[in-house]
N, C-alpha and C. Protein backbone atom coordinates (compact mmCIF):
# COMPACT_ATOMS: atom_id res chain seq x y z
N UNK A 1 0.86 -1.18 0.00
CA UNK A 1 0.00 0.00 0.00
C UNK A 1 0.90 1.24 0.00
N UNK A 2 0.49 2.23 -0.72
CA UNK A 2 1.20 3.50 -0.81
C UNK A 2 1.31 4.18 0.56
N UNK A 3 2.29 5.08 0.70
CA UNK A 3 2.37 5.92 1.89
C UNK A 3 1.23 6.92 1.88
N UNK A 4 0.99 7.52 3.05
CA UNK A 4 -0.01 8.56 3.17
C UNK A 4 0.70 9.92 3.25
N UNK A 5 0.07 10.94 2.65
CA UNK A 5 0.66 12.27 2.60
C UNK A 5 -0.31 13.28 3.19
N UNK A 6 0.24 14.17 4.00
CA UNK A 6 -0.54 15.24 4.61
C UNK A 6 0.02 16.56 4.12
N UNK A 7 -0.83 17.38 3.51
CA UNK A 7 -0.44 18.69 2.98
C UNK A 7 -1.01 19.76 3.90
N UNK A 8 -0.20 20.79 4.14
CA UNK A 8 -0.62 21.83 5.09
C UNK A 8 0.20 23.09 4.84
N UNK A 9 -0.17 24.17 5.53
CA UNK A 9 0.57 25.42 5.42
C UNK A 9 1.57 25.55 6.57
N UNK A 10 2.77 26.01 6.25
CA UNK A 10 3.82 26.15 7.27
C UNK A 10 3.41 27.08 8.40
N UNK A 11 2.57 28.06 8.11
CA UNK A 11 2.18 29.03 9.15
C UNK A 11 1.28 28.42 10.22
N UNK A 12 0.59 27.33 9.90
CA UNK A 12 -0.30 26.72 10.89
C UNK A 12 0.22 25.39 11.42
N UNK A 13 1.00 24.68 10.62
CA UNK A 13 1.51 23.39 11.03
C UNK A 13 0.58 22.26 10.61
N UNK A 14 1.05 21.03 10.78
CA UNK A 14 0.27 19.87 10.34
C UNK A 14 -0.87 19.51 11.29
N UNK A 15 -1.85 18.86 10.72
CA UNK A 15 -2.98 18.28 11.47
C UNK A 15 -3.74 19.31 12.29
N UNK A 16 -3.90 20.49 11.73
CA UNK A 16 -4.79 21.51 12.31
C UNK A 16 -6.11 21.36 11.59
N UNK A 17 -7.19 21.29 12.33
CA UNK A 17 -8.45 20.87 11.74
C UNK A 17 -9.56 21.84 12.11
N UNK A 18 -10.18 22.46 11.12
CA UNK A 18 -11.30 23.37 11.38
C UNK A 18 -12.42 22.69 12.14
N UNK A 19 -12.64 21.43 11.87
CA UNK A 19 -13.75 20.72 12.51
C UNK A 19 -13.53 20.49 13.99
N UNK A 20 -12.30 20.59 14.45
CA UNK A 20 -12.02 20.45 15.88
C UNK A 20 -12.41 21.72 16.66
N UNK A 21 -12.63 22.80 15.96
CA UNK A 21 -13.00 24.07 16.59
C UNK A 21 -14.52 24.13 16.78
N UNK A 22 -14.95 25.02 17.65
CA UNK A 22 -16.39 25.26 17.74
C UNK A 22 -16.83 25.88 16.42
N UNK A 23 -18.12 25.87 16.18
CA UNK A 23 -18.65 26.46 14.94
C UNK A 23 -18.23 27.92 14.83
N UNK A 24 -18.32 28.65 15.93
CA UNK A 24 -17.96 30.07 15.92
C UNK A 24 -16.48 30.27 15.64
N UNK A 25 -15.63 29.48 16.29
CA UNK A 25 -14.18 29.59 16.06
C UNK A 25 -13.83 29.25 14.60
N UNK A 26 -14.44 28.20 14.08
CA UNK A 26 -14.17 27.80 12.71
C UNK A 26 -14.62 28.87 11.72
N UNK A 27 -15.78 29.49 11.98
CA UNK A 27 -16.27 30.57 11.11
C UNK A 27 -15.30 31.76 11.14
N UNK A 28 -14.75 32.07 12.31
CA UNK A 28 -13.79 33.16 12.42
C UNK A 28 -12.54 32.86 11.60
N UNK A 29 -12.02 31.65 11.72
CA UNK A 29 -10.82 31.26 10.95
C UNK A 29 -11.13 31.31 9.46
N UNK A 30 -12.27 30.77 9.05
CA UNK A 30 -12.62 30.76 7.63
C UNK A 30 -12.79 32.19 7.11
N UNK A 31 -13.38 33.07 7.90
CA UNK A 31 -13.52 34.47 7.49
C UNK A 31 -12.17 35.14 7.30
N UNK A 32 -11.24 34.85 8.21
CA UNK A 32 -9.89 35.41 8.09
C UNK A 32 -9.20 34.90 6.83
N UNK A 33 -9.39 33.65 6.50
CA UNK A 33 -8.80 33.10 5.28
C UNK A 33 -9.36 33.79 4.04
N UNK A 34 -10.67 34.02 4.04
CA UNK A 34 -11.29 34.71 2.90
C UNK A 34 -10.75 36.13 2.75
N UNK A 35 -10.55 36.81 3.89
CA UNK A 35 -10.05 38.19 3.84
C UNK A 35 -8.64 38.26 3.28
N UNK A 36 -7.81 37.28 3.63
CA UNK A 36 -6.42 37.26 3.16
C UNK A 36 -6.31 36.93 1.68
N UNK A 37 -7.31 36.23 1.16
CA UNK A 37 -7.36 35.86 -0.26
C UNK A 37 -6.10 35.13 -0.72
N UNK A 38 -5.61 34.27 0.15
CA UNK A 38 -4.44 33.47 -0.19
C UNK A 38 -4.77 32.00 0.00
N UNK A 39 -4.41 31.21 -0.95
CA UNK A 39 -4.60 29.77 -0.82
C UNK A 39 -6.00 29.32 -1.19
N UNK A 40 -6.14 28.04 -1.37
CA UNK A 40 -7.39 27.43 -1.79
C UNK A 40 -8.51 27.68 -0.78
N UNK A 41 -8.21 27.65 0.50
CA UNK A 41 -9.23 27.80 1.54
C UNK A 41 -9.93 29.16 1.47
N UNK A 42 -9.29 30.16 0.91
CA UNK A 42 -9.90 31.48 0.84
C UNK A 42 -11.02 31.53 -0.19
N UNK A 43 -11.15 30.51 -1.03
CA UNK A 43 -12.16 30.49 -2.10
C UNK A 43 -13.39 29.68 -1.73
N UNK A 44 -13.44 29.17 -0.52
CA UNK A 44 -14.57 28.33 -0.10
C UNK A 44 -15.83 29.16 0.06
N UNK A 45 -16.97 28.54 -0.26
CA UNK A 45 -18.26 29.20 -0.15
C UNK A 45 -18.67 29.45 1.29
N UNK A 46 -19.70 30.27 1.45
CA UNK A 46 -20.18 30.62 2.77
C UNK A 46 -20.74 29.42 3.55
N UNK A 47 -21.22 28.41 2.83
CA UNK A 47 -21.79 27.24 3.49
C UNK A 47 -20.78 26.11 3.68
N UNK A 48 -19.52 26.37 3.41
CA UNK A 48 -18.50 25.33 3.44
C UNK A 48 -18.48 24.55 4.76
N UNK A 49 -18.43 25.25 5.88
CA UNK A 49 -18.30 24.56 7.17
C UNK A 49 -19.51 23.70 7.50
N UNK A 50 -20.69 24.19 7.17
CA UNK A 50 -21.90 23.41 7.41
C UNK A 50 -21.91 22.15 6.55
N UNK A 51 -21.57 22.30 5.28
CA UNK A 51 -21.53 21.15 4.37
C UNK A 51 -20.44 20.17 4.82
N UNK A 52 -19.29 20.70 5.19
CA UNK A 52 -18.18 19.85 5.63
C UNK A 52 -18.57 18.99 6.82
N UNK A 53 -19.15 19.60 7.83
CA UNK A 53 -19.54 18.83 9.03
C UNK A 53 -20.58 17.76 8.69
N UNK A 54 -21.48 18.08 7.80
CA UNK A 54 -22.48 17.10 7.38
C UNK A 54 -21.84 15.92 6.65
N UNK A 55 -20.90 16.22 5.76
CA UNK A 55 -20.22 15.15 5.02
C UNK A 55 -19.34 14.32 5.95
N UNK A 56 -18.70 14.96 6.90
CA UNK A 56 -17.88 14.22 7.86
C UNK A 56 -18.73 13.29 8.72
N UNK A 57 -19.90 13.75 9.13
CA UNK A 57 -20.79 12.90 9.93
C UNK A 57 -21.27 11.71 9.10
N UNK A 58 -21.62 11.95 7.85
CA UNK A 58 -22.05 10.86 6.97
C UNK A 58 -20.92 9.86 6.74
N UNK A 59 -19.73 10.36 6.49
CA UNK A 59 -18.58 9.50 6.26
C UNK A 59 -18.29 8.64 7.47
N UNK A 60 -18.35 9.23 8.64
CA UNK A 60 -18.12 8.48 9.89
C UNK A 60 -19.16 7.37 10.04
N UNK A 61 -20.41 7.70 9.79
CA UNK A 61 -21.50 6.74 9.91
C UNK A 61 -21.29 5.56 8.94
N UNK A 62 -20.96 5.87 7.68
CA UNK A 62 -20.74 4.82 6.69
C UNK A 62 -19.53 3.95 7.05
N UNK A 63 -18.49 4.59 7.58
CA UNK A 63 -17.28 3.86 7.99
C UNK A 63 -17.59 2.91 9.15
N UNK A 64 -18.31 3.38 10.14
CA UNK A 64 -18.69 2.54 11.28
C UNK A 64 -19.53 1.36 10.80
N UNK A 65 -20.43 1.60 9.86
CA UNK A 65 -21.27 0.52 9.33
C UNK A 65 -20.45 -0.58 8.66
N UNK A 66 -19.24 -0.23 8.20
CA UNK A 66 -18.35 -1.21 7.57
C UNK A 66 -17.35 -1.80 8.55
N UNK A 67 -17.51 -1.52 9.83
CA UNK A 67 -16.62 -2.07 10.84
C UNK A 67 -15.51 -1.14 11.27
N UNK A 68 -15.51 0.09 10.75
CA UNK A 68 -14.51 1.07 11.16
C UNK A 68 -14.67 1.42 12.63
N UNK A 69 -13.56 1.79 13.25
CA UNK A 69 -13.57 2.15 14.67
C UNK A 69 -12.94 3.53 14.86
N UNK A 70 -13.66 4.57 14.45
CA UNK A 70 -13.11 5.91 14.59
C UNK A 70 -12.98 6.31 16.06
N UNK A 71 -11.89 6.97 16.37
CA UNK A 71 -11.65 7.49 17.71
C UNK A 71 -12.04 8.98 17.73
N UNK A 72 -11.67 9.69 16.70
CA UNK A 72 -12.00 11.11 16.57
C UNK A 72 -13.44 11.29 16.09
N UNK A 73 -14.03 12.42 16.44
CA UNK A 73 -15.34 12.77 15.92
C UNK A 73 -15.25 13.19 14.45
N UNK A 74 -14.18 13.92 14.12
CA UNK A 74 -13.96 14.42 12.77
C UNK A 74 -12.59 13.96 12.31
N UNK A 75 -12.44 13.67 11.01
CA UNK A 75 -11.15 13.14 10.55
C UNK A 75 -10.12 14.23 10.24
N UNK A 76 -8.86 13.79 10.26
CA UNK A 76 -7.80 14.54 9.61
C UNK A 76 -7.74 14.02 8.18
N UNK A 77 -7.19 14.82 7.28
CA UNK A 77 -7.18 14.44 5.87
C UNK A 77 -5.77 14.22 5.35
N UNK A 78 -5.64 13.16 4.56
CA UNK A 78 -4.38 12.83 3.90
C UNK A 78 -4.73 12.31 2.51
N UNK A 79 -3.70 12.01 1.73
CA UNK A 79 -3.92 11.35 0.45
C UNK A 79 -3.17 10.03 0.44
N UNK A 80 -3.69 9.10 -0.33
CA UNK A 80 -3.01 7.83 -0.53
C UNK A 80 -2.09 8.02 -1.73
N UNK A 81 -0.79 8.02 -1.49
CA UNK A 81 0.17 8.35 -2.53
C UNK A 81 0.34 9.86 -2.62
N UNK A 82 1.38 10.27 -3.28
CA UNK A 82 1.67 11.71 -3.35
C UNK A 82 0.79 12.40 -4.38
N UNK A 83 0.58 13.66 -4.17
CA UNK A 83 -0.21 14.50 -5.05
C UNK A 83 0.36 15.92 -4.94
N UNK A 84 1.53 16.14 -5.52
CA UNK A 84 2.28 17.39 -5.29
C UNK A 84 1.52 18.68 -5.61
N UNK A 85 0.57 18.65 -6.51
CA UNK A 85 -0.14 19.89 -6.83
C UNK A 85 -0.93 20.43 -5.63
N UNK A 86 -1.20 19.57 -4.63
CA UNK A 86 -1.91 20.05 -3.43
C UNK A 86 -1.11 21.10 -2.66
N UNK A 87 0.19 21.11 -2.86
CA UNK A 87 1.00 22.14 -2.21
C UNK A 87 0.57 23.54 -2.66
N UNK A 88 0.00 23.64 -3.84
CA UNK A 88 -0.46 24.92 -4.38
C UNK A 88 -1.66 25.47 -3.61
N UNK A 89 -2.33 24.64 -2.81
CA UNK A 89 -3.47 25.09 -2.03
C UNK A 89 -3.04 26.05 -0.93
N UNK A 90 -1.76 26.06 -0.58
CA UNK A 90 -1.30 26.78 0.59
C UNK A 90 -0.26 27.83 0.22
N UNK A 91 -0.31 28.98 0.88
CA UNK A 91 0.71 30.00 0.61
C UNK A 91 2.13 29.49 0.87
N UNK A 92 2.30 28.67 1.92
CA UNK A 92 3.61 28.09 2.25
C UNK A 92 3.43 26.57 2.40
N UNK A 93 3.17 25.92 1.27
CA UNK A 93 2.84 24.50 1.29
C UNK A 93 3.96 23.61 1.81
N UNK A 94 3.56 22.65 2.64
CA UNK A 94 4.47 21.65 3.19
C UNK A 94 3.77 20.30 3.13
N UNK A 95 4.54 19.23 3.30
CA UNK A 95 3.93 17.91 3.33
C UNK A 95 4.66 17.01 4.31
N UNK A 96 3.90 16.07 4.83
CA UNK A 96 4.45 14.98 5.64
C UNK A 96 4.11 13.68 4.93
N UNK A 97 5.07 12.78 4.87
CA UNK A 97 4.88 11.46 4.29
C UNK A 97 4.94 10.45 5.43
N UNK A 98 3.87 9.68 5.59
CA UNK A 98 3.77 8.74 6.70
C UNK A 98 3.46 7.35 6.15
N UNK A 99 4.17 6.33 6.59
CA UNK A 99 3.89 4.99 6.10
C UNK A 99 2.46 4.55 6.45
N UNK A 100 1.83 3.87 5.53
CA UNK A 100 0.50 3.32 5.76
C UNK A 100 0.48 2.46 7.02
N UNK A 101 1.56 1.75 7.26
CA UNK A 101 1.64 0.83 8.40
C UNK A 101 1.63 1.53 9.76
N UNK A 102 1.75 2.85 9.80
CA UNK A 102 1.69 3.59 11.06
C UNK A 102 0.27 3.63 11.62
N UNK A 103 -0.72 3.29 10.80
CA UNK A 103 -2.11 3.40 11.19
C UNK A 103 -2.75 2.04 11.34
N UNK A 104 -3.67 1.94 12.30
CA UNK A 104 -4.51 0.76 12.40
C UNK A 104 -5.54 0.84 11.27
N UNK A 105 -5.67 -0.19 10.45
CA UNK A 105 -6.58 -0.11 9.30
C UNK A 105 -8.03 0.24 9.65
N UNK A 106 -8.47 -0.12 10.86
CA UNK A 106 -9.86 0.19 11.21
C UNK A 106 -10.05 1.61 11.73
N UNK A 107 -9.00 2.44 11.63
CA UNK A 107 -9.11 3.85 12.03
C UNK A 107 -8.88 4.80 10.85
N UNK A 108 -8.84 4.26 9.64
CA UNK A 108 -8.71 5.12 8.46
C UNK A 108 -9.71 4.66 7.40
N UNK A 109 -10.37 5.63 6.79
CA UNK A 109 -11.29 5.35 5.70
C UNK A 109 -10.80 6.09 4.46
N UNK A 110 -11.41 5.75 3.33
CA UNK A 110 -10.95 6.27 2.04
C UNK A 110 -12.14 6.67 1.19
N UNK A 111 -11.96 7.72 0.40
CA UNK A 111 -12.90 8.04 -0.67
C UNK A 111 -12.10 8.15 -1.96
N UNK A 112 -12.71 7.73 -3.05
CA UNK A 112 -12.04 7.79 -4.35
C UNK A 112 -12.26 9.20 -4.88
N UNK A 113 -11.34 10.06 -4.51
CA UNK A 113 -11.44 11.49 -4.79
C UNK A 113 -11.68 12.24 -3.49
N UNK A 114 -11.66 13.53 -3.59
CA UNK A 114 -11.92 14.41 -2.45
C UNK A 114 -13.32 14.15 -1.91
N UNK A 115 -13.47 14.25 -0.61
CA UNK A 115 -14.74 13.97 0.05
C UNK A 115 -15.90 14.76 -0.56
N UNK A 116 -15.70 16.03 -0.87
CA UNK A 116 -16.79 16.87 -1.35
C UNK A 116 -17.38 16.37 -2.66
N UNK A 117 -16.62 16.26 -3.73
CA UNK A 117 -17.25 15.76 -4.96
C UNK A 117 -17.66 14.29 -4.85
N UNK A 118 -16.88 13.49 -4.13
CA UNK A 118 -17.21 12.08 -4.01
C UNK A 118 -18.59 11.89 -3.41
N UNK A 119 -18.90 12.65 -2.39
CA UNK A 119 -20.17 12.46 -1.68
C UNK A 119 -21.31 13.32 -2.24
N UNK A 120 -21.00 14.30 -3.07
CA UNK A 120 -22.05 15.22 -3.52
C UNK A 120 -22.45 15.06 -4.98
N UNK A 121 -21.50 14.69 -5.83
CA UNK A 121 -21.83 14.55 -7.25
C UNK A 121 -22.66 13.30 -7.50
N UNK A 122 -23.57 13.41 -8.41
CA UNK A 122 -24.39 12.26 -8.79
C UNK A 122 -24.29 12.10 -10.30
N UNK A 123 -23.17 11.52 -10.71
CA UNK A 123 -22.91 11.36 -12.14
C UNK A 123 -22.85 9.89 -12.57
N UNK A 124 -23.28 9.00 -11.70
CA UNK A 124 -23.34 7.59 -12.04
C UNK A 124 -22.05 6.82 -11.87
N UNK A 125 -20.97 7.48 -11.48
CA UNK A 125 -19.72 6.76 -11.27
C UNK A 125 -19.88 5.88 -10.03
N UNK A 126 -19.41 4.63 -10.08
CA UNK A 126 -19.70 3.68 -8.99
C UNK A 126 -19.07 4.02 -7.65
N UNK A 127 -18.09 4.90 -7.62
CA UNK A 127 -17.45 5.24 -6.35
C UNK A 127 -18.05 6.49 -5.71
N UNK A 128 -19.05 7.10 -6.33
CA UNK A 128 -19.72 8.25 -5.72
C UNK A 128 -20.52 7.79 -4.51
N UNK A 129 -20.46 8.57 -3.46
CA UNK A 129 -21.21 8.28 -2.25
C UNK A 129 -20.67 7.11 -1.45
N UNK A 130 -19.47 6.66 -1.79
CA UNK A 130 -18.90 5.47 -1.16
C UNK A 130 -17.75 5.84 -0.23
N UNK A 131 -17.70 5.14 0.88
CA UNK A 131 -16.57 5.20 1.81
C UNK A 131 -15.99 3.80 1.84
N UNK A 132 -14.67 3.71 1.74
CA UNK A 132 -14.01 2.41 1.65
C UNK A 132 -13.11 2.15 2.85
N UNK A 133 -12.99 0.87 3.18
CA UNK A 133 -12.01 0.43 4.17
C UNK A 133 -10.67 0.25 3.46
N UNK A 134 -9.62 0.00 4.23
CA UNK A 134 -8.30 -0.22 3.64
C UNK A 134 -8.31 -1.41 2.68
N UNK A 135 -8.99 -2.48 3.06
CA UNK A 135 -9.05 -3.66 2.18
C UNK A 135 -9.83 -3.35 0.91
N UNK A 136 -10.91 -2.60 1.03
CA UNK A 136 -11.74 -2.29 -0.14
C UNK A 136 -11.05 -1.35 -1.12
N UNK A 137 -10.29 -0.38 -0.62
CA UNK A 137 -9.71 0.60 -1.53
C UNK A 137 -8.69 -0.05 -2.46
N UNK A 138 -8.06 -1.11 -2.03
CA UNK A 138 -7.12 -1.81 -2.91
C UNK A 138 -7.84 -2.37 -4.13
N UNK A 139 -9.04 -2.90 -3.94
CA UNK A 139 -9.83 -3.42 -5.06
C UNK A 139 -10.24 -2.28 -5.99
N UNK A 140 -10.64 -1.15 -5.42
CA UNK A 140 -11.04 0.01 -6.21
C UNK A 140 -9.85 0.52 -7.04
N UNK A 141 -8.68 0.55 -6.45
CA UNK A 141 -7.48 1.00 -7.18
C UNK A 141 -7.16 0.05 -8.33
N UNK A 142 -7.28 -1.25 -8.09
CA UNK A 142 -7.03 -2.21 -9.18
C UNK A 142 -8.00 -1.99 -10.34
N UNK A 143 -9.22 -1.61 -10.02
CA UNK A 143 -10.24 -1.41 -11.06
C UNK A 143 -10.09 -0.07 -11.79
N UNK A 144 -9.85 1.01 -11.03
CA UNK A 144 -9.86 2.35 -11.61
C UNK A 144 -8.50 3.03 -11.68
N UNK A 145 -7.50 2.51 -10.97
CA UNK A 145 -6.18 3.15 -10.93
C UNK A 145 -6.13 4.29 -9.92
N UNK A 146 -4.96 4.88 -9.80
CA UNK A 146 -4.79 6.04 -8.92
C UNK A 146 -5.16 7.31 -9.69
N UNK A 147 -6.09 8.10 -9.19
CA UNK A 147 -6.49 9.32 -9.90
C UNK A 147 -5.33 10.26 -10.19
N UNK A 148 -4.36 10.33 -9.26
CA UNK A 148 -3.25 11.25 -9.48
C UNK A 148 -2.36 10.79 -10.64
N UNK A 149 -2.56 9.58 -11.13
CA UNK A 149 -1.84 9.10 -12.30
C UNK A 149 -2.66 9.38 -13.57
N UNK A 150 -3.93 8.96 -13.60
CA UNK A 150 -4.73 9.11 -14.83
C UNK A 150 -5.40 10.47 -14.97
N UNK A 151 -5.40 11.26 -13.90
CA UNK A 151 -6.06 12.57 -13.96
C UNK A 151 -5.22 13.64 -13.27
N UNK A 152 -3.96 13.63 -13.56
CA UNK A 152 -3.00 14.54 -12.92
C UNK A 152 -3.43 16.01 -12.98
N UNK A 153 -3.99 16.44 -14.10
CA UNK A 153 -4.34 17.85 -14.29
C UNK A 153 -5.78 18.17 -13.95
N UNK A 154 -6.60 17.15 -13.71
CA UNK A 154 -8.01 17.38 -13.43
C UNK A 154 -8.85 17.51 -14.69
N UNK A 155 -8.29 17.22 -15.84
CA UNK A 155 -9.02 17.34 -17.10
C UNK A 155 -10.14 16.32 -17.25
N UNK A 156 -10.09 15.24 -16.48
CA UNK A 156 -11.07 14.16 -16.63
C UNK A 156 -12.06 14.10 -15.48
N UNK A 157 -12.19 15.16 -14.71
CA UNK A 157 -13.14 15.19 -13.61
C UNK A 157 -12.48 15.58 -12.30
N UNK A 158 -13.25 15.57 -11.21
CA UNK A 158 -12.73 16.04 -9.93
C UNK A 158 -11.85 15.04 -9.19
N UNK A 159 -11.79 13.80 -9.66
CA UNK A 159 -10.98 12.79 -8.97
C UNK A 159 -9.52 13.03 -9.30
N UNK A 160 -8.76 13.55 -8.34
CA UNK A 160 -7.33 13.80 -8.58
C UNK A 160 -6.45 13.10 -7.56
N UNK A 161 -7.07 12.47 -6.57
CA UNK A 161 -6.33 11.70 -5.55
C UNK A 161 -7.33 10.86 -4.78
N UNK A 162 -6.81 9.90 -4.05
CA UNK A 162 -7.63 9.15 -3.11
C UNK A 162 -7.45 9.82 -1.76
N UNK A 163 -8.56 10.25 -1.18
CA UNK A 163 -8.48 10.91 0.12
C UNK A 163 -8.54 9.87 1.23
N UNK A 164 -7.75 10.11 2.27
CA UNK A 164 -7.73 9.25 3.44
C UNK A 164 -8.27 10.07 4.61
N UNK A 165 -9.26 9.51 5.28
CA UNK A 165 -9.78 10.15 6.48
C UNK A 165 -9.17 9.42 7.67
N UNK A 166 -8.39 10.15 8.44
CA UNK A 166 -7.69 9.58 9.60
C UNK A 166 -8.54 9.87 10.83
N UNK A 167 -9.01 8.79 11.49
CA UNK A 167 -9.94 8.91 12.60
C UNK A 167 -9.29 8.66 13.96
N UNK A 168 -7.97 8.72 14.03
CA UNK A 168 -7.27 8.47 15.29
C UNK A 168 -6.02 9.34 15.33
N UNK A 169 -5.86 10.09 16.41
CA UNK A 169 -4.70 10.96 16.58
C UNK A 169 -3.45 10.22 17.04
N UNK A 170 -3.60 9.04 17.64
CA UNK A 170 -2.48 8.43 18.35
C UNK A 170 -1.22 8.22 17.51
N UNK A 171 -1.27 7.89 16.20
CA UNK A 171 -0.02 7.75 15.46
C UNK A 171 0.63 9.08 15.07
N UNK A 172 -0.11 10.17 15.16
CA UNK A 172 0.35 11.43 14.57
C UNK A 172 1.48 12.15 15.31
N UNK A 173 1.51 12.20 16.63
CA UNK A 173 2.57 12.97 17.28
C UNK A 173 3.98 12.54 16.89
N UNK A 174 4.20 11.28 16.66
CA UNK A 174 5.55 10.84 16.29
C UNK A 174 5.95 11.33 14.91
N UNK A 175 4.98 11.76 14.09
CA UNK A 175 5.30 12.24 12.75
C UNK A 175 5.20 13.75 12.63
N UNK A 176 4.43 14.39 13.48
CA UNK A 176 4.23 15.84 13.37
C UNK A 176 5.52 16.62 13.54
N UNK A 177 6.48 16.08 14.26
CA UNK A 177 7.75 16.76 14.47
C UNK A 177 8.84 16.37 13.48
N UNK A 178 8.48 15.55 12.49
CA UNK A 178 9.46 15.10 11.51
C UNK A 178 9.88 16.25 10.60
N UNK A 179 11.06 16.16 10.03
CA UNK A 179 11.45 17.15 9.04
C UNK A 179 10.46 17.12 7.88
N UNK A 180 10.13 18.28 7.38
CA UNK A 180 9.16 18.37 6.28
C UNK A 180 9.89 18.77 5.02
N UNK A 181 9.27 18.46 3.92
CA UNK A 181 9.80 18.91 2.63
C UNK A 181 9.31 20.33 2.40
N UNK A 182 10.19 21.20 2.05
CA UNK A 182 9.80 22.58 1.80
C UNK A 182 9.78 22.83 0.30
N UNK A 183 8.77 23.59 -0.14
CA UNK A 183 8.61 23.87 -1.56
C UNK A 183 8.45 25.35 -1.79
C-alpha cells in the first residue's frame, strides 16, 4: 500500500483541523482566510463549514457501518500516494509522508477522490457516495487506478487523488515533528 501524505501550510503546522473548533471559532478562521485571499481555503463558499460537518458525519457513519472504529469525531485528511499539486493550495505548502503501516486499518477510511465531490456529485460513477475500508480501496485501485496518475491535471473530472480520512490521533505525534519537505 502507498504511503499517506498530509499537505498543510507552514504558518499553521500539520494536522490543524477546522472541525475540531467550535462552529464560531471555525467561522472566524474561515472568514480570516477569505479576507487574506491566499490559498485554496480562501475560495470556499459561505456554506463550506456546514456542508463539511455534514459530510464528515455521513462518512463516519458509513465507515462505522463497515466495521470502522473511529476514535476522533472528525477526521484529519491525507492522500493515498503523493499529489504534489496540493502544495499549491497553501501560501507556504508543506507535506508529511507517513507509512500506511503507522495506522490501524480500522481507524482510516478512504474516498475515491476528495470527500466533497465524491459524496455530492451524482454522475453515475460507482465510487460516488462510497466510503471504503483499507481492504476495499485496494480493489477500487485495481479497477480504476490512482487518480493522481490518470487525472493529474483534473481534465477528466474532480478525482485527482484518493483521500484518506484519519480517525485516530495516536499515530500522529511521532510524525508531526518530523522534518518536512519545503517547496
